[in-house]
Amino acid sequence: MEQQLPQHANTDTNRDTNRVDDSDASEGIGQDREGGQSGQSGADSSTSRPAVRRRRRWLQVSLRSWFVLLIVLSVALSVGIRMKRRLKLEAQIIDDATLIYGDDRRHSRTFQFSSSALGVVSSSPEPYVRLRDPAWFAWLGPWSKGSTAFCEFDSLQVHGVSDFLWLNDILATGELRRIELGGLSKNLELHRITACRELTELRISGPGGMHERHRSALDRIDRLAKLESLSLHKTRFSFRELQQRGLPESLRLARITVCGLTAEDLGMLTRCRALEELALIDNPLDLRLLREPGLSPKLRVLRLNSTNVVLADMQALRTCNQLEELYLQGTHIDLRQCGGLRLPSSLKELDLTGAKLDRSSWEMLAALDQLEKLTVDECELADEDAAGLALSPRLRLFSARETRASRHVAGMLSRADEMTLINFAGTPLDDEGLRAIGSKPLLQTLLVGQTLLTDEVADWFAPIRQLRRLELYETRIGDAFFERSPHLKRVKDLRVHESRVSAKLHAELSRLARDQASMTAPDPLFNGPFDPF
């Protein structure tokens, strides 16, 4: 029994060992399985890493692209805002910018530019205009094509010019026939005007001081062979080159006012033999260079107001056989001892305000048979020098304000039966002098304030029934005057202040004036804005 027990123990030990081996084997198998699974998962993870990296790389590229795009959009937006603000500012500075298409104003197309959300645009529905700066929001019409469409227009009117970039483009087209500029900017390429070979009318009005680059802009204006009208107001162009070349021979109207024009500059007018109207107002010049060749034989209107013209310069008028209007206001010309001077007999309107007159001067004026308007305001004259003389029977308007004219000067109007305006305000005219004028049934305006008239002259007004304006202020006229001529109470414009009219009558006249004003319809005509030309 003792010998058998170990055997059983050995068998038990072997069984336990086998169990341990089996468990170890099973554990090994499990470990192998786990190892296989872990190897498989490692292989899977190794294959998924490039995809993750690609996803991350794509995300980085996308963010970078979006960031760059955002920067580009921000820059573009800022540039657009700045350009829009600039155009809006220009649109606020400009007063009036008009493009007109067509010669006939009744059928012309007009464009008024103003400020809008897209800058400077046109309020007209016409599709012919397109601004080139900036091009991506400057379209004004759905059918606008090409780089520019300004060549469709015949006329350009711009007032209050600031710094418009498109204005130079318009001038560069060379298709304009009429240009009007009311102000000049330093960036305006004004010399491009000479490229507009079809130009017939040019008007420039600027400030007293001009940019230096503009002074020689008109040196080659002689190239404009079709130019008929030239108007310059308050500019400082240099005419040195034009003294030799001259203005275009086709010129018919030249108005150069307040431009510092001198006598030497008038050499540019020698070629203008077709000139019909010439205005040289407020320039320090005389006509000594034009005495020998004379002015254009076709000249009809000559305005020399506020110049340094003297009596000898009137010799330049000897060739003006068609001259109808002559204005010498503010020249203070001395016409005394002018016996050898003869003004053109074709004169219809003459203004000698501020001149010096004597007997020979009145004889010269009496010889003008076609004269219709004569102004001798503030002239230095003697009333007796006009004794026995008579002006043209065609005279309709006569003014001798603030002079010593009296009965003799008034007697010169005796033959003019169709007069509509007489002005003797501020003169020593008395009752006898007014009667010397004679009957004037068509008279509409009589200005005799600050004279020596009395109530005794009331009978002179009896045949006058068309009077619209009557000035009797600071005279000796009283209530008796209106009792003899009651129809004068209803004159539309009656002024009797500081006369001998009683307060009661003055109140009655004021009431009648208010009643007429309330019954009078407003004038439908409007004079419009001031025209410096």
Protein backbone atom coordinates (compact mmCIF):
# COMPACT_ATOMS: atom_id res chain seq x y z
CA MET A 1 0.00 0.00 0.00
CA GLU A 2 2.85 2.31 0.86
CA GLN A 3 4.48 1.59 -2.49
CA GLN A 4 1.29 2.29 -4.43
CA LEU A 5 0.61 5.64 -2.83
CA PRO A 6 3.43 7.43 -4.56
CA GLN A 7 2.22 6.18 -7.84
CA HIS A 8 -1.15 7.72 -7.24
CA ALA A 9 0.59 10.86 -6.07
CA ASN A 10 2.70 10.87 -9.18
CA THR A 11 -0.33 10.48 -11.35
CA ASP A 12 -1.99 13.35 -9.55
CA THR A 13 1.15 15.39 -9.98
CA ASN A 14 1.27 14.56 -13.65
CA ARG A 15 -2.36 15.51 -14.01
CA ASP A 16 -1.69 18.80 -12.31
CA THR A 17 1.31 19.36 -14.56
CA ASN A 18 -0.73 18.55 -17.62
CA ARG A 19 -3.41 20.97 -16.48
CA VAL A 20 -0.79 23.62 -15.99
CA ASP A 21 0.62 22.90 -19.42
CA ASP A 22 -2.84 22.98 -20.91
CA SER A 23 -3.55 26.27 -19.22
CA ASP A 24 -0.21 27.58 -20.37
CA ALA A 25 -0.95 26.42 -23.87
CA SER A 26 -4.33 27.94 -23.79
CA GLU A 27 -2.81 31.11 -22.48
CA GLY A 28 -0.22 30.97 -25.25
CA ILE A 29 -2.90 30.41 -27.80
CA GLY A 30 -4.80 33.36 -26.34
CA GLN A 31 -1.70 35.39 -26.40
CA ASP A 32 -1.09 34.39 -29.97
CA ARG A 33 -4.62 35.37 -30.84
CA GLU A 34 -4.25 38.65 -29.05
CA GLY A 35 -0.92 39.17 -30.76
CA GLY A 36 -2.48 38.47 -34.11
CA GLN A 37 -5.28 40.89 -33.42
CA SER A 38 -2.86 43.54 -32.22
CA GLY A 39 -0.75 43.03 -35.34
CA GLN A 40 -3.79 43.36 -37.51
CA SER A 41 -4.85 46.59 -35.74
CA GLY A 42 -1.30 47.93 -36.11
CA ALA A 43 -1.41 47.24 -39.80
CA ASP A 44 -4.75 49.05 -40.07
CA SER A 45 -3.45 52.08 -38.16
CA SER A 46 -0.38 52.25 -40.36
CA THR A 47 -2.56 52.36 -43.48
CA SER A 48 -4.93 55.13 -42.10
CA ARG A 49 -2.20 57.64 -41.14
CA PRO A 50 -1.58 59.06 -44.72
CA ALA A 51 -5.29 59.75 -45.16
CA VAL A 52 -5.38 61.73 -41.94
CA ARG A 53 -2.34 63.64 -43.00
CA ARG A 54 -3.91 64.38 -46.38
CA ARG A 55 -7.06 65.62 -44.68
CA ARG A 56 -5.08 67.88 -42.39
CA ARG A 57 -3.01 69.20 -45.32
CA TRP A 58 -6.15 69.93 -47.38
CA LEU A 59 -7.65 71.75 -44.42
CA GLN A 60 -4.51 73.86 -44.04
CA VAL A 61 -4.51 74.73 -47.77
CA SER A 62 -8.20 75.63 -47.64
CA LEU A 63 -7.75 77.96 -44.68
CA ARG A 64 -4.77 79.56 -46.34
CA SER A 65 -6.73 80.10 -49.57
CA TRP A 66 -9.65 81.58 -47.71
CA PHE A 67 -7.29 83.88 -45.85
CA VAL A 68 -5.64 85.09 -49.07
CA LEU A 69 -9.03 85.53 -50.73
CA LEU A 70 -10.24 87.53 -47.75
CA ILE A 71 -7.22 89.81 -48.01
CA VAL A 72 -7.80 90.34 -51.75
CA LEU A 73 -11.47 91.13 -51.21
CA SER A 74 -10.63 93.55 -48.42
CA VAL A 75 -8.13 95.39 -50.61
CA ALA A 76 -10.57 95.52 -53.53
CA LEU A 77 -13.34 96.77 -51.27
CA SER A 78 -11.16 99.49 -49.78
CA VAL A 79 -10.06 100.62 -53.25
CA GLY A 80 -13.66 100.65 -54.46
CA ILE A 81 -14.79 102.65 -51.44
CA ARG A 82 -12.05 105.20 -51.97
CA MET A 83 -12.87 105.59 -55.66
CA LYS A 84 -16.56 105.88 -54.88
CA ARG A 85 -15.90 108.54 -52.25
CA ARG A 86 -13.72 110.41 -54.70
CA LEU A 87 -16.37 110.44 -57.40
CA LYS A 88 -19.05 111.39 -54.89
CA LEU A 89 -16.87 114.24 -53.70
CA GLU A 90 -16.35 115.37 -57.28
CA ALA A 91 -20.07 115.15 -57.89
CA GLN A 92 -20.70 117.39 -54.89
CA ILE A 93 -18.12 119.92 -56.04
CA ILE A 94 -19.45 120.15 -59.58
CA ASP A 95 -22.37 122.51 -60.06
CA ASP A 96 -23.50 121.59 -63.52
CA ALA A 97 -22.18 119.11 -66.06
CA THR A 98 -24.12 118.68 -69.24
CA LEU A 99 -23.49 116.77 -72.42
CA ILE A 100 -25.70 117.77 -75.32
CA TYR A 101 -26.17 115.66 -78.41
CA GLY A 102 -27.40 117.29 -81.59
CA ASP A 103 -27.21 120.73 -83.17
CA ASP A 104 -30.87 121.53 -82.64
CA ARG A 105 -31.42 122.32 -78.95
CA ARG A 106 -35.06 121.28 -79.20
CA HIS A 107 -34.07 117.74 -80.11
CA SER A 108 -30.81 117.52 -78.20
CA ARG A 109 -30.12 114.97 -75.50
CA THR A 110 -29.00 116.55 -72.23
CA PHE A 111 -27.27 114.72 -69.39
CA GLN A 112 -27.15 116.16 -65.88
CA PHE A 113 -24.55 114.41 -63.70
CA SER A 114 -25.09 114.03 -59.98
CA SER A 115 -23.96 111.94 -57.02
CA SER A 116 -25.29 108.44 -56.43
CA ALA A 117 -24.36 105.21 -54.71
CA LEU A 118 -22.17 104.28 -57.68
CA GLY A 119 -20.43 107.62 -58.01
CA VAL A 120 -21.17 110.08 -60.81
CA VAL A 121 -24.08 108.98 -62.94
CA SER A 122 -26.49 110.54 -65.38
CA SER A 123 -30.13 111.25 -64.70
CA SER A 124 -31.00 110.87 -68.38
CA PRO A 125 -32.26 107.54 -69.70
CA GLU A 126 -30.21 107.87 -72.87
CA PRO A 127 -27.71 105.00 -73.26
CA TYR A 128 -24.85 106.88 -74.87
CA VAL A 129 -22.71 107.91 -71.90
CA ARG A 130 -20.21 105.81 -70.01
CA LEU A 131 -17.65 107.02 -67.52
CA ARG A 132 -14.28 105.29 -67.81
CA ASP A 133 -13.08 105.68 -64.22
CA PRO A 134 -13.71 103.27 -62.66
CA ALA A 135 -15.04 101.14 -65.50
CA TRP A 136 -16.51 98.38 -63.35
CA PHE A 137 -19.28 100.56 -61.93
CA ALA A 138 -19.45 103.47 -64.31
CA TRP A 139 -21.90 102.14 -66.86
CA LEU A 140 -24.77 104.54 -67.41
CA GLY A 141 -26.66 102.62 -70.03
CA PRO A 142 -27.32 98.99 -70.88
CA TRP A 143 -26.20 99.43 -74.48
CA SER A 144 -22.95 101.29 -73.88
CA LYS A 145 -20.07 99.49 -75.55
CA GLY A 146 -16.47 100.22 -76.36
CA SER A 147 -13.88 102.15 -74.42
CA THR A 148 -15.91 105.35 -74.45
CA ALA A 149 -19.06 106.72 -75.98
CA PHE A 150 -18.44 110.44 -75.57
CA CYS A 151 -17.87 110.79 -79.30
CA GLU A 152 -21.65 110.60 -79.67
CA PHE A 153 -21.96 114.14 -78.32
CA ASP A 154 -21.64 117.49 -80.01
CA SER A 155 -21.61 119.76 -76.97
CA LEU A 156 -20.00 119.75 -73.53
CA GLN A 157 -21.00 122.11 -70.71
CA VAL A 158 -19.21 121.80 -67.38
CA HIS A 159 -19.34 124.39 -64.58
CA GLY A 160 -17.47 124.20 -61.30
CA VAL A 161 -14.93 121.67 -62.61
CA SER A 162 -12.95 119.90 -59.88
CA ASP A 163 -10.66 117.08 -60.98
CA PHE A 164 -12.73 114.87 -63.26
CA LEU A 165 -10.68 112.13 -64.81
CA TRP A 166 -13.19 111.60 -67.60
CA LEU A 167 -13.09 115.21 -68.80
CA ASN A 168 -9.74 114.71 -70.52
CA ASP A 169 -11.16 111.63 -72.24
CA ILE A 170 -14.02 113.69 -73.61
CA LEU A 171 -11.66 116.31 -75.00
CA ALA A 172 -9.47 113.60 -76.51
CA THR A 173 -12.30 112.33 -78.72
CA GLY A 174 -11.99 115.39 -80.94
CA GLU A 175 -15.65 115.17 -81.97
CA LEU A 176 -17.08 118.05 -79.94
CA ARG A 177 -18.53 121.09 -81.67
CA ARG A 178 -19.29 123.21 -78.62
CA ILE A 179 -17.35 123.41 -75.34
CA GLU A 180 -18.23 125.49 -72.29
CA LEU A 181 -16.03 125.26 -69.19
CA GLY A 182 -16.88 127.23 -66.07
CA GLY A 183 -13.74 126.67 -64.01
CA LEU A 184 -10.37 125.04 -64.56
CA SER A 185 -8.49 122.43 -62.55
CA LYS A 186 -4.75 121.95 -62.67
CA ASN A 187 -5.11 118.39 -64.00
CA LEU A 188 -7.29 119.43 -66.91
CA GLU A 189 -5.42 118.88 -70.17
CA LEU A 190 -6.80 121.99 -71.81
CA HIS A 191 -4.47 121.79 -74.80
CA ARG A 192 -6.54 118.87 -76.08
CA ILE A 193 -9.16 121.37 -77.18
CA THR A 194 -7.08 122.13 -80.25
CA ALA A 195 -7.63 118.51 -81.34
CA CYS A 196 -11.37 119.13 -81.75
CA ARG A 197 -11.21 120.10 -85.40
CA GLU A 198 -15.03 120.27 -85.67
CA LEU A 199 -15.27 122.81 -82.84
CA THR A 200 -17.38 125.88 -83.68
CA GLU A 201 -17.92 127.45 -80.22
CA LEU A 202 -15.55 127.68 -77.24
CA ARG A 203 -16.42 129.37 -73.94
CA ILE A 204 -14.09 129.35 -70.93
CA SER A 205 -14.74 131.19 -67.68
CA GLY A 206 -12.29 130.77 -64.85
CA PRO A 207 -10.90 132.44 -61.76
CA GLY A 208 -8.57 135.38 -61.91
CA GLY A 209 -5.51 133.18 -61.39
CA MET A 210 -4.84 130.19 -63.66
CA HIS A 211 -2.45 127.30 -63.35
CA GLU A 212 0.75 127.85 -65.28
CA ARG A 213 0.20 124.80 -67.48
CA HIS A 214 -2.97 126.39 -68.90
CA ARG A 215 -1.47 129.70 -69.98
CA SER A 216 -0.23 128.36 -73.30
CA ALA A 217 -3.15 126.00 -73.91
CA LEU A 218 -4.56 128.10 -76.76
CA ASP A 219 -1.30 128.69 -78.63
CA ARG A 220 -2.46 126.50 -81.52
CA ILE A 221 -6.07 127.55 -81.57
CA ASP A 222 -5.46 128.67 -85.15
CA ARG A 223 -5.80 124.99 -86.10
CA LEU A 224 -9.53 125.16 -85.40
CA ALA A 225 -10.53 126.16 -88.90
CA LYS A 226 -14.26 125.94 -88.14
CA LEU A 227 -14.26 127.98 -84.92
CA GLU A 228 -16.87 130.74 -85.12
CA SER A 229 -17.34 131.83 -81.48
CA LEU A 230 -14.67 132.39 -78.80
CA SER A 231 -15.54 133.65 -75.30
CA LEU A 232 -12.94 134.02 -72.54
CA HIS A 233 -13.87 135.53 -69.17
CA LYS A 234 -11.54 136.06 -66.21
CA THR A 235 -8.75 133.93 -67.61
CA ARG A 236 -5.03 134.57 -67.94
CA PHE A 237 -4.08 132.91 -71.19
CA SER A 238 -0.87 133.95 -72.86
CA PHE A 239 -1.52 135.35 -76.36
CA ARG A 240 2.13 135.82 -77.26
CA GLU A 241 2.16 133.03 -79.83
CA LEU A 242 -1.18 134.14 -81.26
CA GLN A 243 0.20 137.60 -82.00
CA GLN A 244 1.97 136.03 -84.98
CA ARG A 245 -0.36 133.16 -85.88
CA GLY A 246 -3.59 135.00 -85.22
CA LEU A 247 -7.02 133.67 -84.39
CA PRO A 248 -8.87 131.48 -86.91
CA GLU A 249 -10.12 133.36 -89.97
CA SER A 250 -13.53 131.74 -89.54
CA LEU A 251 -14.13 133.56 -86.23
CA ARG A 252 -17.33 135.61 -86.16
CA LEU A 253 -17.67 136.34 -82.43
CA ALA A 254 -14.85 137.11 -80.00
CA ARG A 255 -15.52 138.05 -76.37
CA ILE A 256 -12.36 138.42 -74.31
CA THR A 257 -13.33 140.09 -71.05
CA VAL A 258 -11.29 140.68 -67.87
CA CYS A 259 -8.34 138.72 -69.25
CA GLY A 260 -5.51 141.24 -68.95
CA LEU A 261 -5.44 141.75 -72.71
CA THR A 262 -3.00 144.43 -73.89
CA ALA A 263 -2.67 146.43 -77.10
CA GLU A 264 0.12 144.14 -78.33
CA ASP A 265 -2.19 141.14 -78.06
CA LEU A 266 -4.65 142.66 -80.55
CA GLY A 267 -2.38 141.60 -83.39
CA MET A 268 -4.15 138.25 -83.29
CA LEU A 269 -7.32 139.96 -84.64
CA THR A 270 -5.82 141.16 -87.91
CA ARG A 271 -6.73 137.93 -89.74
CA CYS A 272 -10.33 137.91 -88.48
CA ARG A 273 -11.92 139.69 -91.43
CA ALA A 274 -15.23 137.86 -90.91
CA LEU A 275 -15.63 139.07 -87.31
CA GLU A 276 -19.15 140.35 -86.56
CA GLU A 277 -19.01 140.92 -82.77
CA LEU A 278 -16.00 141.92 -80.68
CA ALA A 279 -16.03 142.47 -76.89
CA LEU A 280 -12.84 143.54 -75.09
CA ILE A 281 -14.45 144.66 -71.84
CA ASP A 282 -12.29 145.59 -68.83
CA ASN A 283 -8.87 145.10 -70.43
CA PRO A 284 -5.97 147.58 -70.19
CA LEU A 285 -5.67 148.17 -73.93
CA ASP A 286 -6.17 150.63 -76.76
CA LEU A 287 -6.61 150.18 -80.51
CA ARG A 288 -3.42 151.76 -81.80
CA LEU A 289 -2.33 148.54 -83.54
CA LEU A 290 -5.68 148.36 -85.34
CA ARG A 291 -5.83 151.95 -86.57
CA GLU A 292 -4.03 151.26 -89.82
CA PRO A 293 -5.56 147.92 -90.95
CA GLY A 294 -8.86 148.79 -89.28
CA LEU A 295 -11.35 146.40 -87.79
CA SER A 296 -13.34 143.78 -89.66
CA PRO A 297 -15.57 145.31 -92.36
CA LYS A 298 -18.34 142.94 -91.24
CA LEU A 299 -18.23 144.06 -87.59
CA ARG A 300 -21.71 144.84 -86.21
CA VAL A 301 -21.14 144.97 -82.42
CA LEU A 302 -18.10 146.47 -80.65
CA ARG A 303 -17.85 146.55 -76.84
CA LEU A 304 -14.90 148.48 -75.43
CA ASN A 305 -16.24 149.12 -71.92
CA SER A 306 -13.63 150.03 -69.29
CA THR A 307 -10.67 150.11 -71.69
CA ASN A 308 -8.06 152.79 -72.44
CA VAL A 309 -9.50 153.79 -75.80
CA VAL A 310 -8.75 157.36 -76.92
CA LEU A 311 -10.11 159.57 -79.67
CA ALA A 312 -7.39 158.57 -82.14
CA ASP A 313 -8.43 154.93 -81.80
CA MET A 314 -11.76 155.76 -83.44
CA GLN A 315 -9.90 155.72 -86.74
CA ALA A 316 -10.04 151.93 -86.54
CA LEU A 317 -13.80 152.23 -87.13
CA ARG A 318 -13.43 153.71 -90.61
CA THR A 319 -13.67 150.27 -92.21
CA CYS A 320 -16.73 149.24 -90.15
CA ASN A 321 -19.46 150.20 -92.59
CA GLN A 322 -21.90 147.75 -90.99
CA LEU A 323 -21.32 148.67 -87.33
CA GLU A 324 -24.64 148.89 -85.46
CA GLU A 325 -23.69 148.89 -81.75
CA LEU A 326 -20.78 150.69 -80.07
CA TYR A 327 -20.25 150.63 -76.28
CA LEU A 328 -17.65 152.95 -74.73
CA GLN A 329 -18.95 152.93 -71.16
CA GLY A 330 -16.26 153.55 -68.56
CA THR A 331 -13.59 154.60 -71.07
CA HIS A 332 -13.91 158.31 -70.14
CA ILE A 333 -13.03 159.06 -73.74
CA ASP A 334 -12.53 162.72 -74.63
CA LEU A 335 -14.60 163.50 -77.72
CA ARG A 336 -14.03 167.22 -77.62
CA GLN A 337 -12.57 168.81 -80.74
CA CYS A 338 -13.55 165.79 -82.83
CA GLY A 339 -14.57 167.80 -85.88
CA GLY A 340 -12.69 165.47 -88.24
CA LEU A 341 -14.17 162.30 -86.74
CA ARG A 342 -17.15 160.60 -88.32
CA LEU A 343 -18.68 157.55 -86.72
CA PRO A 344 -20.19 154.90 -89.01
CA SER A 345 -23.58 156.10 -90.23
CA SER A 346 -24.97 152.60 -89.68
CA LEU A 347 -24.85 152.99 -85.87
CA LYS A 348 -28.12 152.18 -84.10
CA GLU A 349 -26.95 152.00 -80.47
CA LEU A 350 -24.24 154.13 -78.85
CA ASP A 351 -23.13 154.23 -75.20
CA LEU A 352 -20.83 157.12 -74.22
CA THR A 353 -21.22 156.94 -70.44
CA GLY A 354 -18.55 159.04 -68.73
CA ALA A 355 -17.27 160.70 -71.91
CA LYS A 356 -16.41 164.38 -72.43
CA LEU A 357 -18.57 166.17 -74.99
CA ASP A 358 -18.65 169.59 -76.64
CA ARG A 359 -20.36 171.23 -79.60
CA SER A 360 -18.47 169.15 -82.16
CA SER A 361 -19.43 165.98 -80.30
CA TRP A 362 -23.15 166.82 -80.47
CA GLU A 363 -22.82 167.61 -84.17
CA MET A 364 -21.23 164.21 -84.71
CA LEU A 365 -24.12 162.55 -82.86
CA ALA A 366 -26.74 164.55 -84.75
CA ALA A 367 -25.32 163.20 -88.03
CA LEU A 368 -26.23 159.60 -87.12
CA ASP A 369 -29.54 159.19 -88.95
CA GLN A 370 -30.01 155.52 -87.97
CA LEU A 371 -29.45 156.02 -84.24
CA GLU A 372 -32.10 154.39 -82.02
CA LYS A 373 -30.44 154.28 -78.56
CA LEU A 374 -28.13 156.92 -77.10
CA THR A 375 -26.64 156.95 -73.59
CA VAL A 376 -24.64 159.94 -72.31
CA ASP A 377 -24.93 159.24 -68.57
CA GLU A 378 -22.44 160.98 -66.28
CA CYS A 379 -20.90 162.79 -69.24
CA GLU A 380 -19.07 166.07 -68.90
CA LEU A 381 -21.13 168.40 -71.10
CA ALA A 382 -22.59 171.87 -71.37
CA ASP A 383 -26.28 172.22 -72.13
CA GLU A 384 -25.83 175.20 -74.46
CA ASP A 385 -23.53 173.19 -76.75
CA ALA A 386 -26.59 171.28 -77.97
CA ALA A 387 -28.60 174.38 -78.90
CA GLY A 388 -30.26 174.19 -82.31
CA LEU A 389 -29.37 170.52 -82.90
CA ALA A 390 -31.67 167.52 -83.23
CA LEU A 391 -31.02 163.83 -82.98
CA SER A 392 -32.28 161.11 -85.30
CA PRO A 393 -36.07 160.86 -85.67
CA ARG A 394 -35.66 157.10 -85.19
CA LEU A 395 -34.41 157.55 -81.63
CA ARG A 396 -36.39 155.46 -79.13
CA LEU A 397 -34.23 155.46 -75.97
CA PHE A 398 -32.28 158.40 -74.58
CA SER A 399 -30.50 158.68 -71.23
CA ALA A 400 -28.58 161.67 -69.83
CA ARG A 401 -28.60 160.73 -66.14
CA GLU A 402 -26.40 162.68 -63.70
CA THR A 403 -25.39 165.39 -66.20
CA ARG A 404 -25.99 169.12 -66.65
CA ALA A 405 -28.40 168.51 -69.49
CA SER A 406 -31.47 170.73 -69.53
CA ARG A 407 -33.70 172.42 -72.09
CA HIS A 408 -31.22 172.45 -75.02
CA VAL A 409 -30.31 168.78 -74.72
CA ALA A 410 -34.00 167.95 -74.21
CA GLY A 411 -34.80 169.92 -77.34
CA MET A 412 -32.65 167.52 -79.38
CA LEU A 413 -35.41 164.91 -78.89
CA SER A 414 -38.12 166.99 -80.54
CA ARG A 415 -38.06 165.05 -83.83
CA ALA A 416 -38.16 161.60 -82.20
CA ASP A 417 -41.91 160.92 -82.01
CA GLU A 418 -41.60 157.18 -81.24
CA MET A 419 -39.58 157.39 -78.05
CA THR A 420 -40.32 154.81 -75.34
CA LEU A 421 -37.70 155.71 -72.67
CA ILE A 422 -36.36 159.08 -71.49
CA ASN A 423 -33.99 159.46 -68.54
CA PHE A 424 -33.07 162.90 -67.16
CA ALA A 425 -32.72 161.83 -63.51
CA GLY A 426 -30.32 163.96 -61.51
CA THR A 427 -30.26 166.84 -64.01
CA PRO A 428 -31.40 170.51 -63.79
CA LEU A 429 -34.32 169.80 -66.13
CA ASP A 430 -37.24 172.20 -65.53
CA ASP A 431 -40.78 172.56 -66.88
CA GLU A 432 -39.63 174.39 -70.00
CA GLY A 433 -37.07 171.73 -70.72
CA LEU A 434 -39.65 168.93 -70.44
CA ARG A 435 -41.98 170.77 -72.84
CA ALA A 436 -39.07 171.16 -75.26
CA ILE A 437 -39.02 167.39 -75.67
CA GLY A 438 -42.33 167.59 -77.49
CA SER A 439 -45.25 165.21 -77.54
CA LYS A 440 -44.34 161.57 -76.93
CA PRO A 441 -47.58 159.52 -76.98
CA LEU A 442 -45.71 156.17 -77.07
CA LEU A 443 -43.61 156.89 -74.00
CA GLN A 444 -43.50 153.98 -71.53
CA THR A 445 -40.70 154.99 -69.12
CA LEU A 446 -39.92 158.49 -67.86
CA LEU A 447 -37.21 158.95 -65.23
CA VAL A 448 -37.11 162.58 -64.06
CA GLY A 449 -36.36 162.21 -60.36
CA GLN A 450 -34.15 164.83 -58.69
CA THR A 451 -35.12 167.51 -61.23
CA LEU A 452 -36.80 170.94 -61.06
CA LEU A 453 -40.25 169.91 -62.31
CA THR A 454 -43.38 171.46 -60.76
CA ASP A 455 -47.16 170.97 -60.92
CA GLU A 456 -47.35 173.23 -63.99
CA VAL A 457 -46.01 170.50 -66.24
CA ALA A 458 -49.03 168.21 -65.68
CA ASP A 459 -50.59 169.13 -69.04
CA TRP A 460 -47.57 167.61 -70.85
CA PHE A 461 -48.63 164.15 -69.63
CA ALA A 462 -52.18 164.38 -70.98
CA PRO A 463 -51.59 162.49 -74.30
CA ILE A 464 -49.39 159.83 -72.68
CA ARG A 465 -51.54 156.77 -71.96
CA GLN A 466 -49.00 153.90 -72.12
CA LEU A 467 -46.77 155.00 -69.27
CA ARG A 468 -45.65 152.07 -67.12
CA ARG A 469 -42.85 153.61 -65.06
CA LEU A 470 -42.71 157.18 -63.75
CA GLU A 471 -40.13 158.51 -61.30
CA LEU A 472 -40.89 161.92 -59.75
CA TYR A 473 -39.01 161.58 -56.47
CA GLU A 474 -37.27 164.62 -54.99
CA THR A 475 -39.12 167.06 -57.26
CA ARG A 476 -41.48 170.01 -56.63
CA ILE A 477 -44.55 168.07 -57.70
CA GLY A 478 -47.50 167.96 -55.28
CA ASP A 479 -51.18 167.03 -55.09
CA ALA A 480 -52.20 169.51 -57.80
CA PHE A 481 -50.15 167.57 -60.35
CA PHE A 482 -52.26 164.42 -59.87
CA GLU A 483 -55.49 166.44 -59.78
CA ARG A 484 -54.74 167.68 -63.31
CA SER A 485 -53.55 164.26 -64.52
CA PRO A 486 -55.49 161.67 -62.49
CA HIS A 487 -54.65 158.84 -64.94
CA LEU A 488 -51.05 158.95 -63.64
CA LYS A 489 -52.20 157.57 -60.29
CA ARG A 490 -52.53 154.15 -61.87
CA VAL A 491 -49.05 153.96 -63.35
CA LYS A 492 -47.70 150.51 -62.53
CA ASP A 493 -44.34 151.74 -61.17
CA LEU A 494 -44.79 155.20 -59.65
CA ARG A 495 -42.20 156.74 -57.31
CA VAL A 496 -42.94 160.09 -55.65
CA HIS A 497 -41.08 159.81 -52.35
CA GLU A 498 -39.51 162.96 -50.89
CA SER A 499 -41.63 165.18 -53.13
CA ARG A 500 -44.41 167.63 -52.17
CA VAL A 501 -47.14 164.98 -52.26
CA SER A 502 -49.28 164.98 -49.09
CA ALA A 503 -49.41 162.01 -46.76
CA LYS A 504 -53.06 161.38 -47.67
CA LEU A 505 -52.33 161.21 -51.39
CA HIS A 506 -49.24 159.13 -50.75
CA ALA A 507 -51.36 156.58 -48.86
CA GLU A 508 -53.85 156.50 -51.73
CA LEU A 509 -51.09 155.92 -54.27
CA SER A 510 -49.66 153.13 -52.10
CA ARG A 511 -53.07 151.44 -51.91
CA LEU A 512 -53.52 151.63 -55.69
CA ALA A 513 -50.06 150.16 -56.18
CA ARG A 514 -50.87 147.22 -53.88
CA ASP A 515 -54.13 146.56 -55.70
CA GLN A 516 -52.39 146.50 -59.06
CA ALA A 517 -49.67 144.22 -57.72
CA SER A 518 -52.27 141.71 -56.48
CA MET A 519 -54.07 141.76 -59.82
CA THR A 520 -50.93 141.39 -61.90
CA ALA A 521 -50.00 137.84 -62.88
CA PRO A 522 -46.38 136.79 -62.32
CA ASP A 523 -44.09 137.00 -65.28
CA PRO A 524 -43.77 133.51 -66.81
CA LEU A 525 -40.35 134.32 -68.20
CA PHE A 526 -37.29 133.60 -66.11
CA ASN A 527 -34.00 135.31 -66.80
CA GLY A 528 -31.97 132.28 -65.72
CA PRO A 529 -28.53 132.20 -64.11
CA PHE A 530 -25.91 134.87 -64.55
CA ASP A 531 -24.01 134.57 -67.81
CA PRO A 532 -20.50 136.01 -67.51
CA PHE A 533 -20.32 136.37 -71.27
